[in-house]
Protein backbone atom coordinates (compact mmCIF):
# COMPACT_ATOMS: atom_id res chain seq x y z
CA MET A 1 86.44 131.91 69.59
CA SER A 2 83.81 134.03 71.24
CA ASP A 3 80.78 132.74 69.31
CA ARG A 4 80.40 129.06 70.14
CA SER A 5 77.41 128.65 67.85
CA ARG A 6 79.80 128.58 64.88
CA LEU A 7 81.73 125.67 66.36
CA ARG A 8 81.18 122.08 65.37
CA PRO A 9 79.58 119.80 67.98
CA ILE A 10 82.86 118.00 68.75
CA GLU A 11 84.58 121.35 69.28
CA ARG A 12 81.85 122.57 71.63
CA CYS A 13 82.02 119.30 73.55
CA ILE A 14 85.80 119.47 73.96
CA LEU A 15 85.65 123.09 75.14
CA SER A 16 82.84 122.30 77.54
CA LEU A 17 84.68 119.37 79.09
CA ASP A 18 87.85 121.46 79.26
CA ALA A 19 85.95 124.24 81.04
CA ARG A 20 84.79 121.68 83.62
CA GLY A 21 88.46 121.04 84.38
CA LEU A 22 88.86 117.60 82.86
CA PRO A 23 92.38 116.71 81.69
CA ASP A 24 93.09 116.00 78.03
CA ASP A 25 93.47 112.27 78.68
CA GLU A 26 89.99 112.06 80.19
CA ILE A 27 88.40 114.10 77.40
CA ALA A 28 90.15 111.94 74.81
CA TRP A 29 88.96 108.74 76.52
CA ARG A 30 85.36 109.96 76.67
CA LEU A 31 85.34 110.94 73.00
CA ARG A 32 87.36 107.94 71.80
CA ARG A 33 90.08 110.22 70.45
CA SER A 34 93.73 110.78 71.25
CA PRO A 35 94.95 113.45 73.67
CA GLU A 36 96.84 115.04 70.75
CA TYR A 37 93.55 115.33 68.86
CA VAL A 38 91.93 117.08 71.82
CA ARG A 39 94.81 119.57 72.08
CA ARG A 40 94.74 120.20 68.33
CA VAL A 41 90.98 120.82 68.27
CA ARG A 42 91.19 123.15 71.26
CA ALA A 43 93.97 125.15 69.55
CA LEU A 44 92.08 125.32 66.25
CA THR A 45 88.96 126.71 67.91
CA ARG A 46 90.98 129.86 68.60
CA VAL A 47 91.70 130.41 64.90
CA PRO A 48 89.29 132.93 63.35
CA ARG A 49 86.99 131.55 60.67
CA ALA A 50 85.37 133.16 57.69
CA SER A 51 81.84 134.36 58.30
CA SER A 52 80.51 132.10 55.56
CA PRO A 53 81.71 128.57 54.75
CA HIS A 54 81.91 129.54 51.08
CA GLY A 55 83.26 133.07 51.51
CA PRO A 56 81.67 135.89 49.61
CA ASN A 57 80.63 133.59 46.78
CA ARG A 58 77.73 131.50 48.05
CA LEU A 59 77.80 128.98 45.22
CA ARG A 60 79.82 125.79 45.07
CA PRO A 61 82.17 125.29 42.11
CA LEU A 62 79.78 122.78 40.53
CA GLU A 63 76.91 125.24 40.75
CA ARG A 64 79.01 128.02 39.21
CA CYS A 65 80.10 125.76 36.33
CA ILE A 66 76.58 124.58 35.58
CA LEU A 67 75.24 128.15 35.60
CA ARG A 68 78.06 129.26 33.32
CA TRP A 69 77.43 126.45 30.81
CA ARG A 70 73.67 127.05 30.88
CA ASP A 71 74.21 130.80 30.35
CA ARG A 72 76.24 129.94 27.25
CA GLY A 73 73.19 128.16 25.85
CA GLU A 74 74.18 124.54 26.53
CA GLY A 75 71.27 122.14 27.03
CA TYR A 76 70.76 120.01 30.12
CA ALA A 77 71.85 116.83 28.31
CA GLU A 78 75.08 118.44 27.07
CA VAL A 79 76.00 119.81 30.49
CA ALA A 80 75.05 116.52 32.15
CA ALA A 81 77.43 114.62 29.86
CA ARG A 82 80.31 116.91 30.89
CA PHE A 83 79.75 116.14 34.56
CA ARG A 84 78.68 112.51 34.10
CA ARG A 85 75.33 113.24 35.69
CA SER A 86 71.72 113.06 34.57
CA PRO A 87 69.96 116.02 32.97
CA GLY A 88 67.58 116.01 35.95
CA PHE A 89 70.52 116.47 38.31
CA VAL A 90 71.82 119.40 36.28
CA LYS A 91 68.39 121.03 36.32
CA PHE A 92 68.12 120.51 40.09
CA VAL A 93 71.57 122.05 40.70
CA GLU A 94 70.73 124.99 38.44
CA GLU A 95 67.48 125.66 40.31
CA LEU A 96 69.24 125.38 43.67
CA ALA A 97 71.96 127.81 42.57
CA GLU A 98 69.40 130.31 41.35
CA TYR A 99 67.54 129.99 44.65
CA LYS A 100 70.76 130.63 46.59
CA LEU A 101 71.50 133.71 44.53
CA SER A 102 67.99 135.09 45.03
CA HIS A 103 68.17 134.91 48.84
């Protein structure tokens, strides 16, 4: 992967130690992992990733469901009961989803 900023910290660390010439056993010992784990992570860093963690749709499934129920005219208490959450939580998620869609 050419852009290391998209890598997770453990992936960047493994690649950095590998670039310094350390063997898999040493990297695994330093990170308290197995050598197989180190090889697997190194191989997976070469796999292309989507540009966004959520793809083209920026909302999580919960956010999409809550927006859909609210658009149908359901109240906060009714939606909250469906998800076993509080009405305040539903309102918070709705506001967050609307913020995400506006930016």
